Amino acid sequence: MATVSDFRAPTASPAAWYLLCALLFAIMLALFKWLGQSLPTTQLLLMRQLGVMAILMPAIIGSNGGVLRAERPGLNLFRGLLSASAMLVGFTAVVHLPLAESTTLNFTKVFFVVLLGGLVLRETVTVARWGAMGLGFAGVAVVLAPDTTSMIDPMSMLAVLAAFLTAGTMLVVRKLAQVERTSTMMIWQSAVVLTVVAVPGVSGWIMPTLEQWGMIALLCLLMGAAQWTMIRAHRAAEASALSPLEYTRLLYAAAFGYLLFGHIPAGSTLVGAALIVAAAVWVRRDSRNVESTGDEEEAMDPAERQ
């Protein structure tokens, strides 16, 4: 005879957790863009980093400061500066560009990881990856291509620069992960980013309204929820199996861009996005066939990995 203990609540699949994670990150970007229409980007980043440090503080206290001792302090500092630069230019682009376009250009970090990995770390770059990168950068050219009445949007260039800086951060993480604890790397990065944005964030401070404070609190809660769902997904499945689902963020971004800001993706954005996503999936599929590569896992935004 069945008892109550024999029945268990259905468990969500790793794919479901990852799709939820992608949705939460898309909502976070939409909220950041909405807040960025009236509050400075540096101020929003300052409040975000204060929230991150609050989350990490128990680890610092619990270790009696031990997690602050780094084997490679210089490299940790360099990584933090790269990460701060990527966030500053990346979130500035998010505030000023349609969400679909900024999200599309963010995906190019996959190609920069491969390119920099081959040039800097002397990693193997197969012919297939070179072909995929060519296709991907062709997609970037389509997205950035100006029409007959305008020049290339500088904010689009900032989005590509943010992807490049993020890729550089990922390569530094590969080196640091060989000698540093994860908690140490996270705390150093958060502390450096907080230091960088503190002065401009405070000097340009605009007192948020009650509604904006509520949205900021929601932003922090979503950040924690997104990290939790990402962890749940990766506990039960390999990154290579989940990585194609990352591109659902483009669908969410297009939907939120239309519903919240009235943005309809341009034809060039849609065509470029198709090329970039196809090339990124091509790179990641090729990664499964080459030993000692970790592009699938390293192709996540450092802010997301936190």
Foldseek 3Di string as FASTA:
>chain_A
DDDPVVDDDDDDALLVLLLVLLLLVLVLLLLLLVLVVPWPLLQLLLLLLVLVCVVLVVVCVVVVNPLQDAPCLPLLLVLLVLLLLLSNLLSVLSNVDQLLLLVLLLLLLLLLLLVCCCVPVVDDQDPLLVVLNVLLVVLLCLSQPDDPPDHGDVSSVSSNVSSNSQSVSLVSCVVRVVGHDPSSSSNSNSVSSSVVSVVVNVVRDDDDDPVSVVSSVVSSVSLVSSLVSNVVSCVNDPLLVNQLSSLCSSVSSQVSSCVPPNDHDDPSSVSSSVSNSVSSNSVSVVQVVDPPDDSSVSSDGPSSND
